[in-house]
Amino acid sequence: MIIGTGIDIVEIERIKKLSQNNRFFTRVFSAGEMSLFEECRFRIETIAGRFACKEAVLKALGLGLCDIPLTNIEILKEQSGKPVAALCGAALDYAKSLDIKRIHISISHDGGLAIAFAVAEGD
């Protein structure tokens, strides 16, 4: 059963400007995500896509940007490269309270934009 959906789109140039401040990374991304960025040499499209995905997951949970720390939502990848959302802390607690079992995500970028979609699923 679908409990919520979320979509977000960001201008890659906006994220590029934000990423020039190291506080942006520490406030938004986990250590696991930072490792992923190191692997791709901090490719700005990847960073922008992960940021958009965090906001899409928030929307799928029915939350706003200030409701939980963005570091509670990790956008990692499986060995195949498929993106995967992992929740921890307040995000995980909230998802459990809604009986959310899985979050499906998709990320894309083109033409200076990054877009992400999330579906929160329960049993």
N, C-alpha and C. Protein backbone atom coordinates (compact mmCIF):
# COMPACT_ATOMS: atom_id res chain seq x y z
N MET A 1 0.84 -1.17 0.00
CA MET A 1 0.00 0.00 0.00
C MET A 1 0.90 1.25 0.00
N ILE A 2 0.59 2.20 -0.87
CA ILE A 2 1.34 3.46 -0.92
C ILE A 2 0.83 4.38 0.19
N ILE A 3 1.76 4.83 1.00
CA ILE A 3 1.42 5.73 2.11
C ILE A 3 1.69 7.18 1.73
N GLY A 4 2.69 7.41 0.90
CA GLY A 4 2.99 8.77 0.48
C GLY A 4 3.90 8.81 -0.73
N THR A 5 3.86 9.92 -1.45
CA THR A 5 4.77 10.14 -2.58
C THR A 5 5.38 11.53 -2.44
N GLY A 6 6.52 11.69 -3.04
CA GLY A 6 7.17 13.00 -3.03
C GLY A 6 8.02 13.18 -4.26
N ILE A 7 8.11 14.41 -4.71
CA ILE A 7 8.95 14.75 -5.86
C ILE A 7 9.63 16.07 -5.56
N ASP A 8 10.85 16.22 -6.07
CA ASP A 8 11.55 17.49 -5.89
C ASP A 8 12.46 17.72 -7.09
N ILE A 9 12.64 18.97 -7.42
CA ILE A 9 13.52 19.37 -8.51
C ILE A 9 14.37 20.54 -8.04
N VAL A 10 15.65 20.52 -8.38
CA VAL A 10 16.55 21.60 -7.98
C VAL A 10 17.41 22.03 -9.17
N GLU A 11 17.80 23.29 -9.15
CA GLU A 11 18.76 23.77 -10.14
C GLU A 11 20.15 23.33 -9.70
N ILE A 12 20.85 22.67 -10.58
CA ILE A 12 22.19 22.18 -10.24
C ILE A 12 23.12 23.34 -9.89
N GLU A 13 22.99 24.45 -10.57
CA GLU A 13 23.83 25.62 -10.29
C GLU A 13 23.63 26.13 -8.86
N ARG A 14 22.40 26.08 -8.36
CA ARG A 14 22.12 26.50 -6.98
C ARG A 14 22.86 25.60 -5.99
N ILE A 15 22.83 24.30 -6.24
CA ILE A 15 23.53 23.35 -5.36
C ILE A 15 25.04 23.55 -5.48
N LYS A 16 25.52 23.87 -6.66
CA LYS A 16 26.95 24.14 -6.84
C LYS A 16 27.38 25.30 -5.95
N LYS A 17 26.58 26.35 -5.91
CA LYS A 17 26.90 27.50 -5.06
C LYS A 17 26.87 27.13 -3.58
N LEU A 18 25.84 26.39 -3.19
CA LEU A 18 25.74 25.96 -1.79
C LEU A 18 26.92 25.07 -1.39
N SER A 19 27.37 24.23 -2.31
CA SER A 19 28.43 23.26 -2.00
C SER A 19 29.79 23.91 -1.81
N GLN A 20 29.91 25.18 -2.09
CA GLN A 20 31.18 25.87 -1.87
C GLN A 20 31.39 26.17 -0.38
N ASN A 21 30.35 25.97 0.41
CA ASN A 21 30.43 26.16 1.86
C ASN A 21 30.42 24.77 2.51
N ASN A 22 31.47 24.42 3.24
CA ASN A 22 31.57 23.09 3.85
C ASN A 22 30.43 22.80 4.83
N ARG A 23 29.85 23.84 5.41
CA ARG A 23 28.72 23.64 6.33
C ARG A 23 27.55 22.99 5.62
N PHE A 24 27.38 23.28 4.35
CA PHE A 24 26.32 22.65 3.56
C PHE A 24 26.45 21.13 3.64
N PHE A 25 27.64 20.61 3.45
CA PHE A 25 27.84 19.17 3.47
C PHE A 25 27.58 18.57 4.85
N THR A 26 28.08 19.21 5.90
CA THR A 26 27.91 18.65 7.24
C THR A 26 26.47 18.72 7.73
N ARG A 27 25.71 19.69 7.26
CA ARG A 27 24.31 19.84 7.68
C ARG A 27 23.36 18.95 6.87
N VAL A 28 23.78 18.52 5.68
CA VAL A 28 22.87 17.82 4.78
C VAL A 28 23.22 16.35 4.59
N PHE A 29 24.51 16.02 4.53
CA PHE A 29 24.91 14.68 4.12
C PHE A 29 25.63 13.89 5.22
N SER A 30 25.44 12.58 5.19
CA SER A 30 26.07 11.67 6.15
C SER A 30 27.49 11.31 5.69
N ALA A 31 28.22 10.63 6.55
CA ALA A 31 29.57 10.17 6.19
C ALA A 31 29.51 9.20 5.01
N GLY A 32 28.49 8.35 4.99
CA GLY A 32 28.33 7.41 3.87
C GLY A 32 28.11 8.12 2.55
N GLU A 33 27.31 9.17 2.59
CA GLU A 33 27.07 9.96 1.38
C GLU A 33 28.34 10.69 0.94
N MET A 34 29.09 11.19 1.91
CA MET A 34 30.33 11.88 1.58
C MET A 34 31.32 10.91 0.90
N SER A 35 31.34 9.67 1.35
CA SER A 35 32.19 8.67 0.69
C SER A 35 31.76 8.45 -0.75
N LEU A 36 30.45 8.41 -0.96
CA LEU A 36 29.92 8.26 -2.31
C LEU A 36 30.35 9.45 -3.19
N PHE A 37 30.30 10.65 -2.64
CA PHE A 37 30.72 11.84 -3.39
C PHE A 37 32.21 11.79 -3.71
N GLU A 38 33.01 11.29 -2.77
CA GLU A 38 34.44 11.15 -3.03
C GLU A 38 34.68 10.20 -4.19
N GLU A 39 33.93 9.09 -4.22
CA GLU A 39 34.06 8.12 -5.32
C GLU A 39 33.81 8.76 -6.67
N CYS A 40 32.85 9.67 -6.74
CA CYS A 40 32.51 10.30 -8.03
C CYS A 40 33.17 11.67 -8.18
N ARG A 41 34.19 11.93 -7.36
CA ARG A 41 34.97 13.17 -7.43
C ARG A 41 34.09 14.42 -7.27
N PHE A 42 33.15 14.32 -6.36
CA PHE A 42 32.24 15.42 -6.02
C PHE A 42 31.54 16.00 -7.25
N ARG A 43 31.09 15.09 -8.10
CA ARG A 43 30.34 15.49 -9.31
C ARG A 43 29.06 16.20 -8.87
N ILE A 44 28.90 17.43 -9.30
CA ILE A 44 27.82 18.27 -8.78
C ILE A 44 26.44 17.72 -9.13
N GLU A 45 26.29 17.04 -10.27
CA GLU A 45 25.00 16.44 -10.62
C GLU A 45 24.60 15.37 -9.61
N THR A 46 25.57 14.61 -9.13
CA THR A 46 25.31 13.58 -8.13
C THR A 46 24.87 14.21 -6.81
N ILE A 47 25.56 15.25 -6.41
CA ILE A 47 25.22 15.94 -5.16
C ILE A 47 23.83 16.55 -5.26
N ALA A 48 23.54 17.21 -6.36
CA ALA A 48 22.23 17.83 -6.55
C ALA A 48 21.12 16.79 -6.56
N GLY A 49 21.36 15.67 -7.22
CA GLY A 49 20.36 14.60 -7.25
C GLY A 49 20.09 14.03 -5.88
N ARG A 50 21.13 13.84 -5.08
CA ARG A 50 20.96 13.31 -3.72
C ARG A 50 20.20 14.32 -2.86
N PHE A 51 20.49 15.61 -3.04
CA PHE A 51 19.78 16.64 -2.29
C PHE A 51 18.29 16.63 -2.65
N ALA A 52 17.98 16.60 -3.93
CA ALA A 52 16.58 16.56 -4.38
C ALA A 52 15.89 15.32 -3.83
N CYS A 53 16.62 14.22 -3.78
CA CYS A 53 16.02 12.97 -3.29
C CYS A 53 15.68 13.06 -1.81
N LYS A 54 16.53 13.69 -1.02
CA LYS A 54 16.22 13.87 0.40
C LYS A 54 14.92 14.65 0.56
N GLU A 55 14.74 15.71 -0.23
CA GLU A 55 13.52 16.49 -0.14
C GLU A 55 12.31 15.70 -0.62
N ALA A 56 12.49 14.87 -1.64
CA ALA A 56 11.39 14.02 -2.13
C ALA A 56 10.99 13.01 -1.05
N VAL A 57 11.96 12.45 -0.35
CA VAL A 57 11.66 11.51 0.73
C VAL A 57 10.91 12.22 1.85
N LEU A 58 11.34 13.43 2.22
CA LEU A 58 10.62 14.20 3.23
C LEU A 58 9.15 14.36 2.84
N LYS A 59 8.91 14.70 1.59
CA LYS A 59 7.54 14.89 1.11
C LYS A 59 6.76 13.59 1.15
N ALA A 60 7.41 12.48 0.80
CA ALA A 60 6.73 11.18 0.86
C ALA A 60 6.35 10.82 2.29
N LEU A 61 7.13 11.30 3.25
CA LEU A 61 6.83 11.08 4.67
C LEU A 61 5.79 12.07 5.19
N GLY A 62 5.49 13.09 4.38
CA GLY A 62 4.55 14.12 4.81
C GLY A 62 5.18 15.16 5.71
N LEU A 63 6.49 15.32 5.58
CA LEU A 63 7.23 16.25 6.43
C LEU A 63 7.78 17.41 5.61
N GLY A 64 8.18 18.47 6.30
CA GLY A 64 8.79 19.62 5.67
C GLY A 64 10.28 19.63 5.92
N LEU A 65 10.96 20.58 5.31
CA LEU A 65 12.41 20.66 5.35
C LEU A 65 12.97 20.83 6.76
N CYS A 66 12.25 21.48 7.64
CA CYS A 66 12.77 21.75 8.99
C CYS A 66 12.27 20.75 10.03
N ASP A 67 11.50 19.75 9.62
CA ASP A 67 10.92 18.82 10.60
C ASP A 67 11.91 17.81 11.16
N ILE A 68 12.87 17.38 10.37
CA ILE A 68 13.90 16.45 10.84
C ILE A 68 15.22 16.80 10.16
N PRO A 69 16.34 16.42 10.76
CA PRO A 69 17.63 16.70 10.11
C PRO A 69 17.76 15.92 8.80
N LEU A 70 18.28 16.57 7.78
CA LEU A 70 18.46 15.89 6.49
C LEU A 70 19.46 14.75 6.59
N THR A 71 20.34 14.79 7.58
CA THR A 71 21.29 13.70 7.76
C THR A 71 20.61 12.42 8.23
N ASN A 72 19.34 12.50 8.64
CA ASN A 72 18.56 11.31 9.02
C ASN A 72 18.04 10.55 7.81
N ILE A 73 18.24 11.12 6.63
CA ILE A 73 17.85 10.48 5.37
C ILE A 73 19.13 10.31 4.56
N GLU A 74 19.54 9.07 4.36
CA GLU A 74 20.73 8.80 3.55
C GLU A 74 20.31 8.30 2.18
N ILE A 75 20.92 8.86 1.16
CA ILE A 75 20.69 8.39 -0.20
C ILE A 75 22.00 7.75 -0.66
N LEU A 76 22.02 6.44 -0.60
CA LEU A 76 23.22 5.68 -0.93
C LEU A 76 22.97 4.94 -2.25
N LYS A 77 23.75 3.90 -2.50
CA LYS A 77 23.52 3.12 -3.71
C LYS A 77 23.85 1.67 -3.45
N GLU A 78 23.12 0.81 -4.16
CA GLU A 78 23.42 -0.61 -4.13
C GLU A 78 24.64 -0.85 -5.00
N GLN A 79 25.18 -2.05 -4.95
CA GLN A 79 26.35 -2.38 -5.76
C GLN A 79 26.08 -2.18 -7.26
N SER A 80 24.83 -2.38 -7.65
CA SER A 80 24.44 -2.21 -9.05
C SER A 80 24.41 -0.74 -9.47
N GLY A 81 24.44 0.17 -8.49
CA GLY A 81 24.34 1.59 -8.77
C GLY A 81 22.96 2.16 -8.49
N LYS A 82 22.00 1.28 -8.26
CA LYS A 82 20.63 1.72 -7.97
C LYS A 82 20.62 2.54 -6.68
N PRO A 83 20.01 3.74 -6.70
CA PRO A 83 19.95 4.53 -5.47
C PRO A 83 18.99 3.90 -4.46
N VAL A 84 19.34 4.05 -3.20
CA VAL A 84 18.53 3.49 -2.13
C VAL A 84 18.47 4.49 -0.98
N ALA A 85 17.30 4.62 -0.37
CA ALA A 85 17.12 5.52 0.77
C ALA A 85 17.20 4.71 2.06
N ALA A 86 17.96 5.21 3.01
CA ALA A 86 18.07 4.61 4.33
C ALA A 86 17.74 5.68 5.36
N LEU A 87 16.85 5.34 6.28
CA LEU A 87 16.45 6.29 7.32
C LEU A 87 17.10 5.93 8.64
N CYS A 88 17.35 6.94 9.47
CA CYS A 88 17.84 6.71 10.82
C CYS A 88 17.27 7.80 11.72
N GLY A 89 17.46 7.66 13.00
CA GLY A 89 17.03 8.68 13.95
C GLY A 89 15.56 9.03 13.85
N ALA A 90 15.27 10.33 13.88
CA ALA A 90 13.90 10.82 13.88
C ALA A 90 13.15 10.42 12.61
N ALA A 91 13.85 10.36 11.48
CA ALA A 91 13.18 9.97 10.21
C ALA A 91 12.72 8.53 10.29
N LEU A 92 13.54 7.66 10.83
CA LEU A 92 13.17 6.25 10.97
C LEU A 92 12.02 6.09 11.96
N ASP A 93 12.10 6.77 13.08
CA ASP A 93 11.02 6.70 14.07
C ASP A 93 9.69 7.16 13.48
N TYR A 94 9.74 8.25 12.73
CA TYR A 94 8.52 8.77 12.13
C TYR A 94 7.96 7.81 11.09
N ALA A 95 8.82 7.26 10.26
CA ALA A 95 8.38 6.30 9.24
C ALA A 95 7.74 5.08 9.89
N LYS A 96 8.33 4.61 10.98
CA LYS A 96 7.75 3.46 11.70
C LYS A 96 6.38 3.81 12.26
N SER A 97 6.21 5.05 12.73
CA SER A 97 4.91 5.44 13.28
C SER A 97 3.82 5.45 12.21
N LEU A 98 4.22 5.60 10.96
CA LEU A 98 3.27 5.57 9.83
C LEU A 98 3.17 4.17 9.21
N ASP A 99 3.91 3.22 9.78
CA ASP A 99 3.97 1.84 9.28
C ASP A 99 4.57 1.76 7.88
N ILE A 100 5.52 2.65 7.59
CA ILE A 100 6.24 2.62 6.32
C ILE A 100 7.32 1.55 6.41
N LYS A 101 7.31 0.65 5.45
CA LYS A 101 8.27 -0.46 5.43
C LYS A 101 9.41 -0.23 4.44
N ARG A 102 9.11 0.44 3.33
CA ARG A 102 10.09 0.65 2.27
C ARG A 102 9.90 2.03 1.65
N ILE A 103 11.01 2.57 1.15
CA ILE A 103 10.94 3.80 0.37
C ILE A 103 11.65 3.55 -0.96
N HIS A 104 10.92 3.72 -2.03
CA HIS A 104 11.47 3.54 -3.37
C HIS A 104 11.83 4.93 -3.90
N ILE A 105 12.99 5.03 -4.55
CA ILE A 105 13.42 6.33 -5.06
C ILE A 105 13.93 6.22 -6.49
N SER A 106 13.88 7.35 -7.16
CA SER A 106 14.46 7.47 -8.50
C SER A 106 15.02 8.88 -8.63
N ILE A 107 16.19 8.98 -9.26
CA ILE A 107 16.88 10.26 -9.40
C ILE A 107 17.31 10.43 -10.86
N SER A 108 17.21 11.65 -11.36
CA SER A 108 17.68 11.94 -12.71
C SER A 108 18.15 13.39 -12.78
N HIS A 109 18.95 13.69 -13.78
CA HIS A 109 19.36 15.07 -14.00
C HIS A 109 19.60 15.30 -15.49
N ASP A 110 19.28 16.53 -15.92
CA ASP A 110 19.47 16.91 -17.32
C ASP A 110 19.19 18.41 -17.44
N GLY A 111 19.85 19.04 -18.37
CA GLY A 111 19.56 20.44 -18.66
C GLY A 111 19.69 21.38 -17.49
N GLY A 112 20.64 21.12 -16.60
CA GLY A 112 20.85 22.01 -15.46
C GLY A 112 19.92 21.78 -14.28
N LEU A 113 19.13 20.71 -14.35
CA LEU A 113 18.20 20.38 -13.27
C LEU A 113 18.42 18.96 -12.78
N ALA A 114 18.15 18.75 -11.50
CA ALA A 114 18.15 17.41 -10.91
C ALA A 114 16.76 17.18 -10.32
N ILE A 115 16.22 15.99 -10.53
CA ILE A 115 14.88 15.67 -10.07
C ILE A 115 14.90 14.32 -9.36
N ALA A 116 14.05 14.19 -8.37
CA ALA A 116 13.97 12.92 -7.64
C ALA A 116 12.51 12.66 -7.27
N PHE A 117 12.19 11.38 -7.19
CA PHE A 117 10.84 10.93 -6.85
C PHE A 117 10.97 9.86 -5.77
N ALA A 118 10.06 9.89 -4.80
CA ALA A 118 10.07 8.90 -3.72
C ALA A 118 8.66 8.38 -3.48
N VAL A 119 8.57 7.10 -3.19
CA VAL A 119 7.30 6.45 -2.84
C VAL A 119 7.51 5.73 -1.52
N ALA A 120 6.70 6.10 -0.52
CA ALA A 120 6.73 5.43 0.79
C ALA A 120 5.69 4.33 0.77
N GLU A 121 6.10 3.11 1.07
CA GLU A 121 5.23 1.95 0.97
C GLU A 121 5.10 1.25 2.32
N GLY A 122 3.90 0.82 2.62
CA GLY A 122 3.64 -0.02 3.80
C GLY A 122 3.09 -1.35 3.34
N ASP A 123 2.71 -2.17 4.30
CA ASP A 123 2.15 -3.49 3.93
C ASP A 123 0.68 -3.41 3.56
